[in-house]
Amino acid sequence: MKQTIRALALAAAIIAAPTTAMADTLLIERAQEKPAGALPARGESMGQVEARFGAPAERLEPRGGQKRQWPTINRWVYPAFTVYFEKQRVIDVVANHAGPDEIGPKPPIR
């Protein structure tokens, strides 16, 4: 009986012992570290974005627009980020993966 209690106490001590923590760099942390001028700003036009950052590496197929209340969303992919437009204006910018080990958004639907 005493051996069982000692074994349970030892198991509890091992489980409760602090372990070496491993940290991952989240994509959101990297995106927050970027200077504000390095990304398109909300409200900029497609022309302003293209003049400032050049032509996108890829222009994805527009999504939405089936109904009046569902605006068409255009997506431009640059090497470091993807820009989302509604009616020719930036509504959001999402940083792309820096590497395969980085935790971040799923790739865009093509």
PDB file of N, CA and C in Angstrom:
ATOM      1  N   MET A   1       0.824  -1.187   0.000  1.00  0.00           N
ATOM      2  CA  MET A   1       0.000   0.000   0.000  1.00  0.00           C
ATOM      3  C   MET A   1       0.872   1.257   0.000  1.00  0.00           C
ATOM      4  N   LYS A   2       1.942   1.232   0.845  1.00  0.00           N
ATOM      5  CA  LYS A   2       2.821   2.393   0.910  1.00  0.00           C
ATOM      6  C   LYS A   2       3.531   2.605  -0.424  1.00  0.00           C
ATOM      7  N   GLN A   3       3.872   1.515  -1.102  1.00  0.00           N
ATOM      8  CA  GLN A   3       4.547   1.637  -2.392  1.00  0.00           C
ATOM      9  C   GLN A   3       3.615   2.273  -3.432  1.00  0.00           C
ATOM     10  N   THR A   4       2.356   1.936  -3.385  1.00  0.00           N
ATOM     11  CA  THR A   4       1.389   2.503  -4.315  1.00  0.00           C
ATOM     12  C   THR A   4       1.232   3.994  -4.069  1.00  0.00           C
ATOM     13  N   ILE A   5       1.181   4.382  -2.800  1.00  0.00           N
ATOM     14  CA  ILE A   5       1.056   5.805  -2.458  1.00  0.00           C
ATOM     15  C   ILE A   5       2.300   6.560  -2.901  1.00  0.00           C
ATOM     16  N   ARG A   6       3.479   5.980  -2.678  1.00  0.00           N
ATOM     17  CA  ARG A   6       4.726   6.625  -3.102  1.00  0.00           C
ATOM     18  C   ARG A   6       4.772   6.749  -4.630  1.00  0.00           C
ATOM     19  N   ALA A   7       4.346   5.720  -5.331  1.00  0.00           N
ATOM     20  CA  ALA A   7       4.346   5.756  -6.796  1.00  0.00           C
ATOM     21  C   ALA A   7       3.385   6.830  -7.305  1.00  0.00           C
ATOM     22  N   LEU A   8       2.212   6.939  -6.675  1.00  0.00           N
ATOM     23  CA  LEU A   8       1.259   7.979  -7.065  1.00  0.00           C
ATOM     24  C   LEU A   8       1.803   9.374  -6.763  1.00  0.00           C
ATOM     25  N   ALA A   9       2.461   9.520  -5.603  1.00  0.00           N
ATOM     26  CA  ALA A   9       3.046  10.814  -5.243  1.00  0.00           C
ATOM     27  C   ALA A   9       4.151  11.195  -6.218  1.00  0.00           C
ATOM     28  N   LEU A  10       4.984  10.242  -6.594  1.00  0.00           N
ATOM     29  CA  LEU A  10       6.058  10.496  -7.550  1.00  0.00           C
ATOM     30  C   LEU A  10       5.483  10.867  -8.917  1.00  0.00           C
ATOM     31  N   ALA A  11       4.455  10.165  -9.350  1.00  0.00           N
ATOM     32  CA  ALA A  11       3.817  10.466 -10.640  1.00  0.00           C
ATOM     33  C   ALA A  11       3.210  11.870 -10.626  1.00  0.00           C
ATOM     34  N   ALA A  12       2.573  12.235  -9.518  1.00  0.00           N
ATOM     35  CA  ALA A  12       1.986  13.575  -9.405  1.00  0.00           C
ATOM     36  C   ALA A  12       3.068  14.647  -9.430  1.00  0.00           C
ATOM     37  N   ALA A  13       4.209  14.387  -8.783  1.00  0.00           N
ATOM     38  CA  ALA A  13       5.314  15.346  -8.763  1.00  0.00           C
ATOM     39  C   ALA A  13       5.901  15.524 -10.159  1.00  0.00           C
ATOM     40  N   ILE A  14       6.011  14.443 -10.906  1.00  0.00           N
ATOM     41  CA  ILE A  14       6.545  14.520 -12.267  1.00  0.00           C
ATOM     42  C   ILE A  14       5.600  15.305 -13.163  1.00  0.00           C
ATOM     43  N   ILE A  15       4.309  15.047 -13.041  1.00  0.00           N
ATOM     44  CA  ILE A  15       3.322  15.752 -13.861  1.00  0.00           C
ATOM     45  C   ILE A  15       3.291  17.234 -13.506  1.00  0.00           C
ATOM     46  N   ALA A  16       3.395  17.570 -12.236  1.00  0.00           N
ATOM     47  CA  ALA A  16       3.315  18.955 -11.796  1.00  0.00           C
ATOM     48  C   ALA A  16       4.613  19.716 -12.007  1.00  0.00           C
ATOM     49  N   ALA A  17       5.710  19.020 -12.253  1.00  0.00           N
ATOM     50  CA  ALA A  17       7.010  19.689 -12.424  1.00  0.00           C
ATOM     51  C   ALA A  17       6.987  20.573 -13.666  1.00  0.00           C
ATOM     52  N   PRO A  18       7.624  21.734 -13.578  1.00  0.00           N
ATOM     53  CA  PRO A  18       7.657  22.619 -14.749  1.00  0.00           C
ATOM     54  C   PRO A  18       8.462  21.970 -15.874  1.00  0.00           C
ATOM     55  N   THR A  19       7.974  22.152 -17.082  1.00  0.00           N
ATOM     56  CA  THR A  19       8.660  21.606 -18.247  1.00  0.00           C
ATOM     57  C   THR A  19       9.242  22.749 -19.062  1.00  0.00           C
ATOM     58  N   THR A  20      10.163  22.417 -19.915  1.00  0.00           N
ATOM     59  CA  THR A  20      10.768  23.425 -20.768  1.00  0.00           C
ATOM     60  C   THR A  20       9.722  23.895 -21.765  1.00  0.00           C
ATOM     61  N   ALA A  21       9.495  25.188 -21.794  1.00  0.00           N
ATOM     62  CA  ALA A  21       8.483  25.750 -22.684  1.00  0.00           C
ATOM     63  C   ALA A  21       9.073  25.973 -24.069  1.00  0.00           C
ATOM     64  N   MET A  22       8.288  25.657 -25.065  1.00  0.00           N
ATOM     65  CA  MET A  22       8.686  25.921 -26.440  1.00  0.00           C
ATOM     66  C   MET A  22       7.749  26.987 -26.977  1.00  0.00           C
ATOM     67  N   ALA A  23       8.288  27.969 -27.655  1.00  0.00           N
ATOM     68  CA  ALA A  23       7.464  29.059 -28.168  1.00  0.00           C
ATOM     69  C   ALA A  23       7.500  29.074 -29.684  1.00  0.00           C
ATOM     70  N   ASP A  24       6.355  29.314 -30.269  1.00  0.00           N
ATOM     71  CA  ASP A  24       6.252  29.482 -31.706  1.00  0.00           C
ATOM     72  C   ASP A  24       6.029  30.961 -31.989  1.00  0.00           C
ATOM     73  N   THR A  25       6.550  31.421 -33.096  1.00  0.00           N
ATOM     74  CA  THR A  25       6.277  32.786 -33.513  1.00  0.00           C
ATOM     75  C   THR A  25       4.998  32.759 -34.323  1.00  0.00           C
ATOM     76  N   LEU A  26       3.994  33.419 -33.837  1.00  0.00           N
ATOM     77  CA  LEU A  26       2.728  33.459 -34.548  1.00  0.00           C
ATOM     78  C   LEU A  26       2.796  34.502 -35.646  1.00  0.00           C
ATOM     79  N   LEU A  27       2.083  34.263 -36.718  1.00  0.00           N
ATOM     80  CA  LEU A  27       2.051  35.188 -37.833  1.00  0.00           C
ATOM     81  C   LEU A  27       1.555  36.559 -37.390  1.00  0.00           C
ATOM     82  N   ILE A  28       0.598  36.590 -36.494  1.00  0.00           N
ATOM     83  CA  ILE A  28       0.052  37.869 -36.044  1.00  0.00           C
ATOM     84  C   ILE A  28       1.115  38.700 -35.327  1.00  0.00           C
ATOM     85  N   GLU A  29       2.008  38.045 -34.596  1.00  0.00           N
ATOM     86  CA  GLU A  29       3.081  38.781 -33.918  1.00  0.00           C
ATOM     87  C   GLU A  29       4.032  39.392 -34.936  1.00  0.00           C
ATOM     88  N   ARG A  30       4.353  38.644 -35.995  1.00  0.00           N
ATOM     89  CA  ARG A  30       5.242  39.171 -37.025  1.00  0.00           C
ATOM     90  C   ARG A  30       4.574  40.320 -37.765  1.00  0.00           C
ATOM     91  N   ALA A  31       3.284  40.183 -38.038  1.00  0.00           N
ATOM     92  CA  ALA A  31       2.573  41.229 -38.765  1.00  0.00           C
ATOM     93  C   ALA A  31       2.498  42.507 -37.936  1.00  0.00           C
ATOM     94  N   GLN A  32       2.356  42.392 -36.626  1.00  0.00           N
ATOM     95  CA  GLN A  32       2.286  43.572 -35.769  1.00  0.00           C
ATOM     96  C   GLN A  32       3.627  44.276 -35.668  1.00  0.00           C
ATOM     97  N   GLU A  33       4.732  43.560 -35.896  1.00  0.00           N
ATOM     98  CA  GLU A  33       6.048  44.165 -35.814  1.00  0.00           C
ATOM     99  C   GLU A  33       6.391  44.997 -37.048  1.00  0.00           C
ATOM    100  N   LYS A  34       5.692  44.779 -38.160  1.00  0.00           N
ATOM    101  CA  LYS A  34       5.974  45.515 -39.384  1.00  0.00           C
ATOM    102  C   LYS A  34       5.616  46.987 -39.194  1.00  0.00           C
ATOM    103  N   PRO A  35       6.412  47.883 -39.771  1.00  0.00           N
ATOM    104  CA  PRO A  35       6.050  49.297 -39.699  1.00  0.00           C
ATOM    105  C   PRO A  35       4.757  49.543 -40.467  1.00  0.00           C
ATOM    106  N   ALA A  36       3.975  50.506 -39.999  1.00  0.00           N
ATOM    107  CA  ALA A  36       2.669  50.768 -40.592  1.00  0.00           C
ATOM    108  C   ALA A  36       2.775  51.173 -42.059  1.00  0.00           C
ATOM    109  N   GLY A  37       3.865  51.801 -42.465  1.00  0.00           N
ATOM    110  CA  GLY A  37       4.022  52.243 -43.839  1.00  0.00           C
ATOM    111  C   GLY A  37       4.357  51.124 -44.804  1.00  0.00           C
ATOM    112  N   ALA A  38       4.615  49.931 -44.322  1.00  0.00           N
ATOM    113  CA  ALA A  38       5.034  48.819 -45.176  1.00  0.00           C
ATOM    114  C   ALA A  38       3.856  48.063 -45.776  1.00  0.00           C
ATOM    115  N   LEU A  39       2.649  48.394 -45.411  1.00  0.00           N
ATOM    116  CA  LEU A  39       1.463  47.710 -45.915  1.00  0.00           C
ATOM    117  C   LEU A  39       0.469  48.735 -46.443  1.00  0.00           C
ATOM    118  N   PRO A  40      -0.375  48.352 -47.406  1.00  0.00           N
ATOM    119  CA  PRO A  40      -1.418  49.269 -47.868  1.00  0.00           C
ATOM    120  C   PRO A  40      -2.370  49.610 -46.724  1.00  0.00           C
ATOM    121  N   ALA A  41      -2.859  50.825 -46.739  1.00  0.00           N
ATOM    122  CA  ALA A  41      -3.780  51.284 -45.690  1.00  0.00           C
ATOM    123  C   ALA A  41      -5.218  51.074 -46.132  1.00  0.00           C
ATOM    124  N   ARG A  42      -6.080  50.832 -45.166  1.00  0.00           N
ATOM    125  CA  ARG A  42      -7.504  50.676 -45.444  1.00  0.00           C
ATOM    126  C   ARG A  42      -8.015  51.952 -46.127  1.00  0.00           C
ATOM    127  N   GLY A  43      -8.782  51.775 -47.191  1.00  0.00           N
ATOM    128  CA  GLY A  43      -9.345  52.910 -47.914  1.00  0.00           C
ATOM    129  C   GLY A  43      -8.551  53.333 -49.136  1.00  0.00           C
ATOM    130  N   GLU A  44      -7.312  52.854 -49.288  1.00  0.00           N
ATOM    131  CA  GLU A  44      -6.542  53.196 -50.475  1.00  0.00           C
ATOM    132  C   GLU A  44      -7.183  52.565 -51.700  1.00  0.00           C
ATOM    133  N   SER A  45      -7.038  53.207 -52.851  1.00  0.00           N
ATOM    134  CA  SER A  45      -7.607  52.676 -54.084  1.00  0.00           C
ATOM    135  C   SER A  45      -6.668  51.638 -54.692  1.00  0.00           C
ATOM    136  N   MET A  46      -7.188  50.883 -55.653  1.00  0.00           N
ATOM    137  CA  MET A  46      -6.367  49.895 -56.349  1.00  0.00           C
ATOM    138  C   MET A  46      -5.197  50.581 -57.051  1.00  0.00           C
ATOM    139  N   GLY A  47      -5.462  51.749 -57.635  1.00  0.00           N
ATOM    140  CA  GLY A  47      -4.422  52.493 -58.314  1.00  0.00           C
ATOM    141  C   GLY A  47      -3.311  52.938 -57.370  1.00  0.00           C
ATOM    142  N   GLN A  48      -3.686  53.397 -56.182  1.00  0.00           N
ATOM    143  CA  GLN A  48      -2.696  53.822 -55.190  1.00  0.00           C
ATOM    144  C   GLN A  48      -1.829  52.644 -54.746  1.00  0.00           C
ATOM    145  N   VAL A  49      -2.462  51.501 -54.524  1.00  0.00           N
ATOM    146  CA  VAL A  49      -1.714  50.312 -54.088  1.00  0.00           C
ATOM    147  C   VAL A  49      -0.740  49.889 -55.178  1.00  0.00           C
ATOM    148  N   GLU A  50      -1.214  49.869 -56.424  1.00  0.00           N
ATOM    149  CA  GLU A  50      -0.342  49.446 -57.523  1.00  0.00           C
ATOM    150  C   GLU A  50       0.788  50.448 -57.744  1.00  0.00           C
ATOM    151  N   ALA A  51       0.522  51.740 -57.583  1.00  0.00           N
ATOM    152  CA  ALA A  51       1.569  52.748 -57.744  1.00  0.00           C
ATOM    153  C   ALA A  51       2.622  52.629 -56.647  1.00  0.00           C
ATOM    154  N   ARG A  52       2.191  52.302 -55.447  1.00  0.00           N
ATOM    155  CA  ARG A  52       3.102  52.243 -54.297  1.00  0.00           C
ATOM    156  C   ARG A  52       3.872  50.929 -54.221  1.00  0.00           C
ATOM    157  N   PHE A  53       3.222  49.808 -54.550  1.00  0.00           N
ATOM    158  CA  PHE A  53       3.830  48.486 -54.370  1.00  0.00           C
ATOM    159  C   PHE A  53       4.114  47.757 -55.675  1.00  0.00           C
ATOM    160  N   GLY A  54       3.731  48.336 -56.804  1.00  0.00           N
ATOM    161  CA  GLY A  54       3.932  47.681 -58.086  1.00  0.00           C
ATOM    162  C   GLY A  54       2.807  46.701 -58.382  1.00  0.00           C
ATOM    163  N   ALA A  55       2.932  46.039 -59.517  1.00  0.00           N
ATOM    164  CA  ALA A  55       1.913  45.063 -59.909  1.00  0.00           C
ATOM    165  C   ALA A  55       1.967  43.861 -58.968  1.00  0.00           C
ATOM    166  N   PRO A  56       0.806  43.307 -58.616  1.00  0.00           N
ATOM    167  CA  PRO A  56       0.812  42.131 -57.736  1.00  0.00           C
ATOM    168  C   PRO A  56       1.383  40.910 -58.447  1.00  0.00           C
ATOM    169  N   ALA A  57       1.882  39.979 -57.671  1.00  0.00           N
ATOM    170  CA  ALA A  57       2.383  38.729 -58.232  1.00  0.00           C
ATOM    171  C   ALA A  57       1.236  37.924 -58.832  1.00  0.00           C
ATOM    172  N   GLU A  58       0.038  38.073 -58.256  1.00  0.00           N
ATOM    173  CA  GLU A  58      -1.121  37.325 -58.722  1.00  0.00           C
ATOM    174  C   GLU A  58      -2.391  38.097 -58.385  1.00  0.00           C
ATOM    175  N   ARG A  59      -3.314  38.119 -59.325  1.00  0.00           N
ATOM    176  CA  ARG A  59      -4.649  38.687 -59.092  1.00  0.00           C
ATOM    177  C   ARG A  59      -5.622  37.512 -59.087  1.00  0.00           C
ATOM    178  N   LEU A  60      -6.156  37.212 -57.917  1.00  0.00           N
ATOM    179  CA  LEU A  60      -7.049  36.056 -57.785  1.00  0.00           C
ATOM    180  C   LEU A  60      -8.434  36.391 -58.334  1.00  0.00           C
ATOM    181  N   GLU A  61      -9.180  35.355 -58.672  1.00  0.00           N
ATOM    182  CA  GLU A  61     -10.541  35.529 -59.174  1.00  0.00           C
ATOM    183  C   GLU A  61     -11.380  36.282 -58.142  1.00  0.00           C
ATOM    184  N   PRO A  62     -12.208  37.241 -58.584  1.00  0.00           N
ATOM    185  CA  PRO A  62     -13.107  37.931 -57.652  1.00  0.00           C
ATOM    186  C   PRO A  62     -14.096  36.953 -57.026  1.00  0.00           C
ATOM    187  N   ARG A  63     -14.490  37.211 -55.808  1.00  0.00           N
ATOM    188  CA  ARG A  63     -15.470  36.389 -55.081  1.00  0.00           C
ATOM    189  C   ARG A  63     -16.645  37.258 -54.672  1.00  0.00           C
ATOM    190  N   GLY A  64     -17.816  36.668 -54.581  1.00  0.00           N
ATOM    191  CA  GLY A  64     -19.000  37.387 -54.149  1.00  0.00           C
ATOM    192  C   GLY A  64     -19.714  38.039 -55.318  1.00  0.00           C
ATOM    193  N   GLY A  65     -20.613  38.974 -55.012  1.00  0.00           N
ATOM    194  CA  GLY A  65     -21.336  39.707 -56.024  1.00  0.00           C
ATOM    195  C   GLY A  65     -22.580  39.021 -56.549  1.00  0.00           C
ATOM    196  N   GLN A  66     -22.945  37.870 -55.989  1.00  0.00           N
ATOM    197  CA  GLN A  66     -24.129  37.165 -56.468  1.00  0.00           C
ATOM    198  C   GLN A  66     -25.408  37.933 -56.150  1.00  0.00           C
ATOM    199  N   LYS A  67     -25.394  38.663 -55.062  1.00  0.00           N
ATOM    200  CA  LYS A  67     -26.538  39.480 -54.656  1.00  0.00           C
ATOM    201  C   LYS A  67     -26.053  40.897 -54.385  1.00  0.00           C
ATOM    202  N   ARG A  68     -26.964  41.818 -54.388  1.00  0.00           N
ATOM    203  CA  ARG A  68     -26.611  43.225 -54.165  1.00  0.00           C
ATOM    204  C   ARG A  68     -25.932  43.432 -52.811  1.00  0.00           C
ATOM    205  N   GLN A  69     -26.381  42.702 -51.791  1.00  0.00           N
ATOM    206  CA  GLN A  69     -25.813  42.871 -50.444  1.00  0.00           C
ATOM    207  C   GLN A  69     -24.488  42.126 -50.258  1.00  0.00           C
ATOM    208  N   TRP A  70     -24.063  41.358 -51.274  1.00  0.00           N
ATOM    209  CA  TRP A  70     -22.780  40.643 -51.233  1.00  0.00           C
ATOM    210  C   TRP A  70     -21.825  41.309 -52.220  1.00  0.00           C
ATOM    211  N   PRO A  71     -21.040  42.255 -51.776  1.00  0.00           N
ATOM    212  CA  PRO A  71     -20.154  42.961 -52.711  1.00  0.00           C
ATOM    213  C   PRO A  71     -19.071  42.028 -53.265  1.00  0.00           C
ATOM    214  N   THR A  72     -18.581  42.368 -54.440  1.00  0.00           N
ATOM    215  CA  THR A  72     -17.489  41.607 -55.045  1.00  0.00           C
ATOM    216  C   THR A  72     -16.194  41.963 -54.333  1.00  0.00           C
ATOM    217  N   ILE A  73     -15.437  40.939 -53.933  1.00  0.00           N
ATOM    218  CA  ILE A  73     -14.153  41.115 -53.254  1.00  0.00           C
ATOM    219  C   ILE A  73     -13.049  40.692 -54.212  1.00  0.00           C
ATOM    220  N   ASN A  74     -12.127  41.616 -54.489  1.00  0.00           N
ATOM    221  CA  ASN A  74     -10.957  41.325 -55.314  1.00  0.00           C
ATOM    222  C   ASN A  74      -9.771  41.100 -54.389  1.00  0.00           C
ATOM    223  N   ARG A  75      -8.885  40.178 -54.793  1.00  0.00           N
ATOM    224  CA  ARG A  75      -7.715  39.854 -53.970  1.00  0.00           C
ATOM    225  C   ARG A  75      -6.460  39.925 -54.819  1.00  0.00           C
ATOM    226  N   TRP A  76      -5.484  40.679 -54.330  1.00  0.00           N
ATOM    227  CA  TRP A  76      -4.190  40.777 -54.977  1.00  0.00           C
ATOM    228  C   TRP A  76      -3.152  40.167 -54.057  1.00  0.00           C
ATOM    229  N   VAL A  77      -2.327  39.293 -54.590  1.00  0.00           N
ATOM    230  CA  VAL A  77      -1.302  38.623 -53.787  1.00  0.00           C
ATOM    231  C   VAL A  77       0.062  39.223 -54.115  1.00  0.00           C
ATOM    232  N   TYR A  78       0.723  39.739 -53.093  1.00  0.00           N
ATOM    233  CA  TYR A  78       2.109  40.206 -53.166  1.00  0.00           C
ATOM    234  C   TYR A  78       2.964  39.196 -52.409  1.00  0.00           C
ATOM    235  N   PRO A  79       4.281  39.216 -52.555  1.00  0.00           N
ATOM    236  CA  PRO A  79       5.119  38.228 -51.858  1.00  0.00           C
ATOM    237  C   PRO A  79       4.946  38.216 -50.335  1.00  0.00           C
ATOM    238  N   ALA A  80       4.743  39.374 -49.719  1.00  0.00           N
ATOM    239  CA  ALA A  80       4.670  39.436 -48.258  1.00  0.00           C
ATOM    240  C   ALA A  80       3.250  39.540 -47.708  1.00  0.00           C
ATOM    241  N   PHE A  81       2.287  39.895 -48.542  1.00  0.00           N
ATOM    242  CA  PHE A  81       0.926  40.107 -48.043  1.00  0.00           C
ATOM    243  C   PHE A  81      -0.092  39.939 -49.155  1.00  0.00           C
ATOM    244  N   THR A  82      -1.370  39.796 -48.760  1.00  0.00           N
ATOM    245  CA  THR A  82      -2.492  39.740 -49.687  1.00  0.00           C
ATOM    246  C   THR A  82      -3.422  40.897 -49.363  1.00  0.00           C
ATOM    247  N   VAL A  83      -3.833  41.615 -50.403  1.00  0.00           N
ATOM    248  CA  VAL A  83      -4.701  42.786 -50.228  1.00  0.00           C
ATOM    249  C   VAL A  83      -6.113  42.412 -50.685  1.00  0.00           C
ATOM    250  N   TYR A  84      -7.121  42.777 -49.884  1.00  0.00           N
ATOM    251  CA  TYR A  84      -8.525  42.529 -50.193  1.00  0.00           C
ATOM    252  C   TYR A  84      -9.189  43.867 -50.498  1.00  0.00           C
ATOM    253  N   PHE A  85      -9.879  43.927 -51.643  1.00  0.00           N
ATOM    254  CA  PHE A  85     -10.543  45.146 -52.090  1.00  0.00           C
ATOM    255  C   PHE A  85     -12.048  44.929 -52.179  1.00  0.00           C
ATOM    256  N   GLU A  86     -12.805  45.982 -51.828  1.00  0.00           N
ATOM    257  CA  GLU A  86     -14.242  46.032 -52.071  1.00  0.00           C
ATOM    258  C   GLU A  86     -14.504  47.345 -52.791  1.00  0.00           C
ATOM    259  N   LYS A  87     -15.096  47.261 -53.975  1.00  0.00           N
ATOM    260  CA  LYS A  87     -15.372  48.457 -54.790  1.00  0.00           C
ATOM    261  C   LYS A  87     -14.118  49.316 -54.976  1.00  0.00           C
ATOM    262  N   GLN A  88     -13.054  48.725 -55.393  1.00  0.00           N
ATOM    263  CA  GLN A  88     -11.797  49.407 -55.719  1.00  0.00           C
ATOM    264  C   GLN A  88     -11.052  49.978 -54.511  1.00  0.00           C
ATOM    265  N   ARG A  89     -11.495  49.676 -53.282  1.00  0.00           N
ATOM    266  CA  ARG A  89     -10.850  50.214 -52.077  1.00  0.00           C
ATOM    267  C   ARG A  89     -10.365  49.090 -51.179  1.00  0.00           C
ATOM    268  N   VAL A  90      -9.219  49.305 -50.521  1.00  0.00           N
ATOM    269  CA  VAL A  90      -8.658  48.311 -49.596  1.00  0.00           C
ATOM    270  C   VAL A  90      -9.571  48.188 -48.381  1.00  0.00           C
ATOM    271  N   ILE A  91      -9.948  46.945 -48.071  1.00  0.00           N
ATOM    272  CA  ILE A  91     -10.710  46.705 -46.842  1.00  0.00           C
ATOM    273  C   ILE A  91      -9.891  45.923 -45.827  1.00  0.00           C
ATOM    274  N   ASP A  92      -8.856  45.194 -46.297  1.00  0.00           N
ATOM    275  CA  ASP A  92      -8.020  44.441 -45.361  1.00  0.00           C
ATOM    276  C   ASP A  92      -6.723  44.031 -46.043  1.00  0.00           C
ATOM    277  N   VAL A  93      -5.687  43.824 -45.238  1.00  0.00           N
ATOM    278  CA  VAL A  93      -4.394  43.335 -45.702  1.00  0.00           C
ATOM    279  C   VAL A  93      -3.978  42.227 -44.743  1.00  0.00           C
ATOM    280  N   VAL A  94      -3.574  41.081 -45.297  1.00  0.00           N
ATOM    281  CA  VAL A  94      -3.179  39.936 -44.479  1.00  0.00           C
ATOM    282  C   VAL A  94      -1.752  39.549 -44.843  1.00  0.00           C
ATOM    283  N   ALA A  95      -0.886  39.422 -43.833  1.00  0.00           N
ATOM    284  CA  ALA A  95       0.498  39.010 -44.071  1.00  0.00           C
ATOM    285  C   ALA A  95       0.531  37.547 -44.473  1.00  0.00           C
ATOM    286  N   ASN A  96       1.364  37.214 -45.450  1.00  0.00           N
ATOM    287  CA  ASN A  96       1.523  35.830 -45.897  1.00  0.00           C
ATOM    288  C   ASN A  96       2.506  35.109 -44.983  1.00  0.00           C
ATOM    289  N   HIS A  97       2.558  33.788 -45.093  1.00  0.00           N
ATOM    290  CA  HIS A  97       3.511  32.980 -44.332  1.00  0.00           C
ATOM    291  C   HIS A  97       4.940  33.393 -44.662  1.00  0.00           C
ATOM    292  N   ALA A  98       5.782  33.474 -43.649  1.00  0.00           N
ATOM    293  CA  ALA A  98       7.199  33.725 -43.872  1.00  0.00           C
ATOM    294  C   ALA A  98       7.919  32.412 -44.135  1.00  0.00           C
ATOM    295  N   GLY A  99       7.416  31.325 -43.598  1.00  0.00           N
ATOM    296  CA  GLY A  99       8.053  30.019 -43.774  1.00  0.00           C
ATOM    297  C   GLY A  99       7.067  28.905 -43.484  1.00  0.00           C
ATOM    298  N   PRO A 100       7.432  27.673 -43.797  1.00  0.00           N
ATOM    299  CA  PRO A 100       6.502  26.564 -43.600  1.00  0.00           C
ATOM    300  C   PRO A 100       6.211  26.257 -42.132  1.00  0.00           C
ATOM    301  N   ASP A 101       7.082  26.668 -41.206  1.00  0.00           N
ATOM    302  CA  ASP A 101       6.874  26.374 -39.786  1.00  0.00           C
ATOM    303  C   ASP A 101       6.030  27.438 -39.083  1.00  0.00           C
ATOM    304  N   GLU A 102       5.763  28.535 -39.748  1.00  0.00           N
ATOM    305  CA  GLU A 102       5.032  29.636 -39.113  1.00  0.00           C
ATOM    306  C   GLU A 102       3.545  29.335 -39.079  1.00  0.00           C
ATOM    307  N   ILE A 103       2.909  29.661 -37.977  1.00  0.00           N
ATOM    308  CA  ILE A 103       1.482  29.453 -37.809  1.00  0.00           C
ATOM    309  C   ILE A 103       0.781  30.693 -38.346  1.00  0.00           C
ATOM    310  N   GLY A 104      -0.177  30.518 -39.221  1.00  0.00           N
ATOM    311  CA  GLY A 104      -0.853  31.671 -39.788  1.00  0.00           C
ATOM    312  C   GLY A 104      -2.105  31.283 -40.537  1.00  0.00           C
ATOM    313  N   PRO A 105      -2.611  32.182 -41.381  1.00  0.00           N
ATOM    314  CA  PRO A 105      -3.859  31.897 -42.074  1.00  0.00           C
ATOM    315  C   PRO A 105      -3.697  30.815 -43.118  1.00  0.00           C
ATOM    316  N   LYS A 106      -4.799  30.198 -43.461  1.00  0.00           N
ATOM    317  CA  LYS A 106      -4.798  29.195 -44.515  1.00  0.00           C
ATOM    318  C   LYS A 106      -4.577  29.897 -45.857  1.00  0.00           C
ATOM    319  N   PRO A 107      -4.072  29.187 -46.853  1.00  0.00           N
ATOM    320  CA  PRO A 107      -3.907  29.815 -48.170  1.00  0.00           C
ATOM    321  C   PRO A 107      -5.247  30.238 -48.739  1.00  0.00           C
ATOM    322  N   PRO A 108      -5.273  31.247 -49.619  1.00  0.00           N
ATOM    323  CA  PRO A 108      -6.553  31.693 -50.173  1.00  0.00           C
ATOM    324  C   PRO A 108      -7.197  30.632 -51.045  1.00  0.00           C
ATOM    325  N   ILE A 109      -8.518  30.666 -51.107  1.00  0.00           N
ATOM    326  CA  ILE A 109      -9.258  29.766 -51.975  1.00  0.00           C
ATOM    327  C   ILE A 109      -9.088  30.259 -53.402  1.00  0.00           C
ATOM    328  N   ARG A 110      -8.709  29.383 -54.289  1.00  0.00           N
ATOM    329  CA  ARG A 110      -8.437  29.803 -55.675  1.00  0.00           C
ATOM    330  C   ARG A 110      -9.542  29.428 -56.593  1.00  0.00           C
TER     331      ARG A 110
END
